[in-house]
Amino acid sequence: MPFMIDETDDNAFASSAAAAATSLARLLRLEDRGNSLVATISEWVGRGIVEGRLRPGDDLNSVELARRFATSRTPVREALMLLEKEGLVEIPARRRPRVACTTLTSVREVYAVRSALHALVFERLAADVDDAELDELRGLVEAMASAAADDDVDRYFWRNVAFHERAAELADNPTLQRILDSLGVRVLQMRHRSMSAPHRMRQSIEDHRRLIRALEERDPALAGALMSSIVMGGLAALERDWSESADTG
């Protein structure tokens, strides 16, 4: 499928733009880029891949991108090379860049690691979280619930990302946070795909409210087990989607 420009994208997804920009800028280290246009293109294409508007195997037409951002092809190439390093883009020799594909085996490996790391985050939180921090996390979950009530997958997803990023910060273990960040933007692509499965948002909200209760009870073992279960539930949704895609392919 070729890369297509849709001039309605910016309006259609404006409600989650700020949260997406914050997360992508941090994970892609865009603040370190001297060229703000490269950062802008990287963020736009990266978000399109994460949210599934640009699908695995889709061509990324540098001419179309240059036209969209009113620039030469040089910043576009730099942006695509940055995304290639993150595993989101493939740049084959003498062919157009395209959205990278992945395998179910690699997804399972990543989710096994995420399950263990995020369990550690919530074990630490349950042991040390104070009332003000708990109120903040509770508010983020209710913001997720609001998005779910509107059936807005993208808004729900980025609020979910914000919740887990804030939880990792509050766990106050910089090494743990660096390891989580090292999994990169590719994880966001996987997580968004799992969140798009039927009924997944409703289940996710129920799970996160149980997680908040475990924090309220200051129960590290329960909080860690619940968080591990949430991550593996996301993997199960991906596996079902993978199987259905294979059946209809």
Protein backbone atom coordinates (compact mmCIF):
# COMPACT_ATOMS: atom_id res chain seq x y z
CA MET A 1 0.00 0.00 0.00
CA PRO A 2 1.55 3.36 -0.96
CA PHE A 3 2.03 6.22 1.48
CA MET A 4 -0.93 8.58 1.24
CA ILE A 5 -1.34 12.14 2.44
CA ASP A 6 -4.60 12.84 4.25
CA GLU A 7 -5.06 16.51 4.98
CA THR A 8 -7.69 15.71 7.64
CA ASP A 9 -5.27 13.78 9.87
CA ASP A 10 -4.21 16.74 11.99
CA ASN A 11 -7.80 17.65 12.89
CA ALA A 12 -8.99 14.07 13.36
CA PHE A 13 -6.32 13.29 15.94
CA ALA A 14 -5.85 16.69 17.59
CA SER A 15 -7.22 15.56 20.96
CA SER A 16 -4.23 13.29 21.62
CA ALA A 17 -1.56 15.36 19.86
CA ALA A 18 0.07 16.87 22.95
CA ALA A 19 0.40 13.57 24.81
CA ALA A 20 1.74 11.83 21.71
CA ALA A 21 4.25 14.60 21.06
CA THR A 22 5.56 14.44 24.64
CA SER A 23 6.09 10.67 24.63
CA LEU A 24 7.58 10.49 21.14
CA ALA A 25 9.90 13.44 21.75
CA ARG A 26 11.28 11.77 24.84
CA LEU A 27 11.69 8.28 23.38
CA LEU A 28 13.11 9.54 20.09
CA ARG A 29 15.27 12.11 21.96
CA LEU A 30 14.00 14.80 19.61
CA GLU A 31 15.13 17.57 21.96
CA ASP A 32 18.68 16.59 20.98
CA ARG A 33 18.01 17.21 17.30
CA GLY A 34 19.47 20.47 16.01
CA ASN A 35 16.95 20.60 13.16
CA SER A 36 13.42 21.15 14.45
CA LEU A 37 11.97 20.18 11.07
CA VAL A 38 13.59 16.75 11.32
CA ALA A 39 11.98 16.41 14.75
CA THR A 40 8.58 17.46 13.40
CA ILE A 41 8.71 14.96 10.53
CA SER A 42 9.98 12.20 12.82
CA GLU A 43 7.13 12.82 15.24
CA TRP A 44 4.47 12.91 12.50
CA VAL A 45 5.61 9.73 10.77
CA GLY A 46 6.34 7.97 14.06
CA ARG A 47 2.88 8.75 15.36
CA GLY A 48 1.29 7.56 12.14
CA ILE A 49 3.11 4.23 12.50
CA VAL A 50 2.29 3.85 16.19
CA GLU A 51 -1.40 4.63 15.67
CA GLY A 52 -1.66 2.31 12.68
CA ARG A 53 -2.45 4.81 9.94
CA LEU A 54 0.84 3.77 8.38
CA ARG A 55 0.84 -0.02 8.27
CA PRO A 56 3.74 -2.49 8.12
CA GLY A 57 5.01 -2.63 4.54
CA ASP A 58 3.54 0.75 3.53
CA ASP A 59 5.80 2.85 1.31
CA LEU A 60 7.04 6.14 2.75
CA ASN A 61 7.27 8.48 -0.21
CA SER A 62 9.95 11.08 0.57
CA VAL A 63 8.66 13.37 -2.20
CA GLU A 64 5.16 13.40 -0.69
CA LEU A 65 6.58 13.98 2.77
CA ALA A 66 8.78 16.83 1.54
CA ARG A 67 5.72 18.40 -0.09
CA ARG A 68 3.64 18.05 3.05
CA PHE A 69 6.25 19.76 5.21
CA ALA A 70 7.29 22.28 2.54
CA THR A 71 10.91 21.25 2.66
CA SER A 72 13.61 19.54 0.67
CA ARG A 73 14.09 15.79 0.87
CA THR A 74 17.15 16.11 3.14
CA PRO A 75 15.22 16.59 6.45
CA VAL A 76 12.85 13.81 5.36
CA ARG A 77 15.75 11.42 4.83
CA GLU A 78 17.21 12.34 8.22
CA ALA A 79 13.87 11.77 9.91
CA LEU A 80 13.39 8.39 8.26
CA MET A 81 16.93 7.35 9.20
CA LEU A 82 16.17 8.26 12.82
CA LEU A 83 13.03 6.10 12.72
CA GLU A 84 15.03 3.31 11.08
CA LYS A 85 17.31 3.23 14.14
CA GLU A 86 14.21 2.78 16.30
CA GLY A 87 13.03 -0.16 14.19
CA LEU A 88 9.95 1.62 12.84
CA VAL A 89 11.20 2.12 9.26
CA GLU A 90 13.16 0.00 6.78
CA ILE A 91 15.29 1.68 4.11
CA PRO A 92 16.17 -0.96 1.49
CA ALA A 93 18.90 -0.20 -1.07
CA ARG A 94 17.56 1.45 -4.23
CA ARG A 95 13.96 1.17 -3.02
CA ARG A 96 11.53 3.43 -1.22
CA PRO A 97 11.63 3.49 2.57
CA ARG A 98 8.75 1.59 4.11
CA VAL A 99 7.15 0.90 7.46
CA ALA A 100 9.04 -1.96 9.11
CA CYS A 101 7.45 -5.34 9.66
CA THR A 102 7.94 -7.47 12.76
CA THR A 103 7.40 -11.07 13.82
CA LEU A 104 5.20 -12.56 16.49
CA THR A 105 8.27 -14.20 18.01
CA SER A 106 9.96 -10.83 18.59
CA VAL A 107 6.71 -9.40 20.00
CA ARG A 108 6.50 -12.25 22.51
CA GLU A 109 10.10 -11.66 23.57
CA VAL A 110 9.48 -7.95 24.12
CA TYR A 111 6.30 -8.57 26.11
CA ALA A 112 8.03 -11.08 28.39
CA VAL A 113 10.59 -8.40 29.25
CA ARG A 114 7.94 -5.69 29.65
CA SER A 115 5.90 -7.91 31.96
CA ALA A 116 8.82 -8.34 34.37
CA LEU A 117 9.91 -4.69 34.27
CA HIS A 118 6.47 -3.19 34.78
CA ALA A 119 5.77 -5.64 37.62
CA LEU A 120 8.86 -4.23 39.33
CA VAL A 121 7.59 -0.67 38.81
CA PHE A 122 4.31 -1.39 40.58
CA GLU A 123 5.88 -3.46 43.34
CA ARG A 124 8.04 -0.43 44.19
CA LEU A 125 5.08 1.93 43.91
CA ALA A 126 2.87 -0.13 46.21
CA ALA A 127 5.61 -0.08 48.82
CA ASP A 128 6.37 3.65 48.66
CA VAL A 129 3.58 5.62 46.95
CA ASP A 130 2.15 8.52 48.96
CA ASP A 131 -1.40 9.80 48.92
CA ALA A 132 -0.71 12.72 46.56
CA GLU A 133 1.01 10.44 44.04
CA LEU A 134 -1.80 7.94 44.31
CA ASP A 135 -4.35 10.69 43.63
CA GLU A 136 -2.36 11.66 40.54
CA LEU A 137 -2.34 8.09 39.21
CA ARG A 138 -6.01 7.67 40.02
CA GLY A 139 -6.77 10.82 38.02
CA LEU A 140 -4.85 9.49 35.02
CA VAL A 141 -6.85 6.27 35.09
CA GLU A 142 -10.11 8.21 35.19
CA ALA A 143 -8.90 10.26 32.20
CA MET A 144 -8.39 6.94 30.42
CA ALA A 145 -11.93 5.95 31.40
CA SER A 146 -13.28 9.15 29.86
CA ALA A 147 -11.56 8.34 26.56
CA ALA A 148 -12.87 4.78 26.70
CA ALA A 149 -16.42 6.07 27.24
CA ASP A 150 -16.02 8.08 24.04
CA ASP A 151 -14.65 4.99 22.26
CA ASP A 152 -11.57 7.04 21.36
CA VAL A 153 -8.75 4.50 21.01
CA ASP A 154 -6.01 7.03 20.27
CA ARG A 155 -6.88 9.31 23.17
CA TYR A 156 -7.19 6.30 25.47
CA PHE A 157 -3.86 4.93 24.28
CA TRP A 158 -1.84 8.11 24.86
CA ARG A 159 -3.41 8.60 28.28
CA ASN A 160 -2.49 5.00 29.06
CA VAL A 161 1.08 5.74 27.95
CA ALA A 162 1.14 8.84 30.19
CA PHE A 163 -0.09 6.77 33.16
CA HIS A 164 2.67 4.18 32.80
CA GLU A 165 5.37 6.75 32.12
CA ARG A 166 4.37 8.63 35.27
CA ALA A 167 4.28 5.40 37.27
CA ALA A 168 7.83 4.60 36.12
CA GLU A 169 8.95 8.08 37.24
CA LEU A 170 7.30 7.70 40.64
CA ALA A 171 8.95 4.30 41.16
CA ASP A 172 12.17 6.34 41.49
CA ASN A 173 14.54 3.82 39.96
CA PRO A 174 16.42 5.54 37.11
CA THR A 175 18.04 2.30 35.94
CA LEU A 176 14.67 0.60 35.65
CA GLN A 177 13.25 3.57 33.76
CA ARG A 178 16.20 3.63 31.35
CA ILE A 179 15.75 -0.06 30.57
CA LEU A 180 12.04 0.49 29.90
CA ASP A 181 12.82 3.44 27.64
CA SER A 182 15.43 1.38 25.78
CA LEU A 183 12.63 -0.82 24.44
CA GLY A 184 11.81 2.23 22.35
CA VAL A 185 8.97 3.47 20.21
CA ARG A 186 8.44 0.06 18.62
CA VAL A 187 6.76 -0.99 21.86
CA LEU A 188 4.22 1.81 21.42
CA GLN A 189 3.30 0.41 18.02
CA MET A 190 2.70 -3.02 19.56
CA ARG A 191 0.71 -1.58 22.45
CA HIS A 192 -1.54 0.50 20.22
CA ARG A 193 -2.29 -2.51 18.04
CA SER A 194 -3.29 -4.56 21.09
CA MET A 195 -5.41 -1.69 22.45
CA SER A 196 -7.34 -1.53 19.19
CA ALA A 197 -8.71 -5.07 19.67
CA PRO A 198 -12.47 -5.36 20.33
CA HIS A 199 -13.42 -4.78 23.99
CA ARG A 200 -9.78 -4.21 24.91
CA MET A 201 -10.29 -0.71 26.31
CA ARG A 202 -13.09 -1.87 28.62
CA GLN A 203 -10.96 -4.71 29.96
CA SER A 204 -7.98 -2.39 30.32
CA ILE A 205 -9.94 0.10 32.42
CA GLU A 206 -11.16 -2.65 34.74
CA ASP A 207 -7.60 -3.93 35.10
CA HIS A 208 -6.18 -0.49 35.85
CA ARG A 209 -8.82 0.23 38.47
CA ARG A 210 -7.88 -3.05 40.18
CA LEU A 211 -4.27 -1.94 39.97
CA ILE A 212 -5.13 1.33 41.71
CA ARG A 213 -6.88 -0.61 44.48
CA ALA A 214 -3.75 -2.73 44.98
CA LEU A 215 -1.75 0.49 45.36
CA GLU A 216 -4.32 1.83 47.82
CA GLU A 217 -3.92 -1.35 49.86
CA ARG A 218 -0.11 -0.97 49.69
CA ASP A 219 0.19 -4.57 48.46
CA PRO A 220 3.38 -4.92 46.38
CA ALA A 221 2.87 -8.59 45.47
CA LEU A 222 -0.66 -8.00 44.22
CA ALA A 223 0.26 -4.82 42.35
CA GLY A 224 3.15 -6.55 40.59
CA ALA A 225 1.04 -9.58 39.68
CA LEU A 226 -1.77 -7.41 38.33
CA MET A 227 0.62 -5.34 36.23
CA SER A 228 2.24 -8.47 34.80
CA SER A 229 -1.22 -9.76 33.95
CA ILE A 230 -2.12 -6.49 32.20
CA VAL A 231 0.97 -6.70 29.99
CA MET A 232 0.38 -10.34 29.13
CA GLY A 233 -3.27 -9.55 28.39
CA GLY A 234 -1.98 -7.10 25.79
CA LEU A 235 0.15 -9.86 24.30
CA ALA A 236 -2.87 -12.18 24.15
CA ALA A 237 -4.80 -9.51 22.23
CA LEU A 238 -1.90 -9.18 19.78
CA GLU A 239 -1.71 -12.94 19.29
CA ARG A 240 -5.43 -13.09 18.51
CA ASP A 241 -5.09 -10.22 16.05
CA TRP A 242 -2.10 -11.90 14.42
CA SER A 243 -4.04 -15.15 14.03
CA GLU A 244 -7.10 -13.40 12.58
CA SER A 245 -4.92 -11.44 10.15
CA ALA A 246 -3.29 -14.68 8.98
CA ASP A 247 -6.70 -16.31 8.50
CA THR A 248 -7.96 -13.44 6.35
CA GLY A 249 -4.69 -12.80 4.52
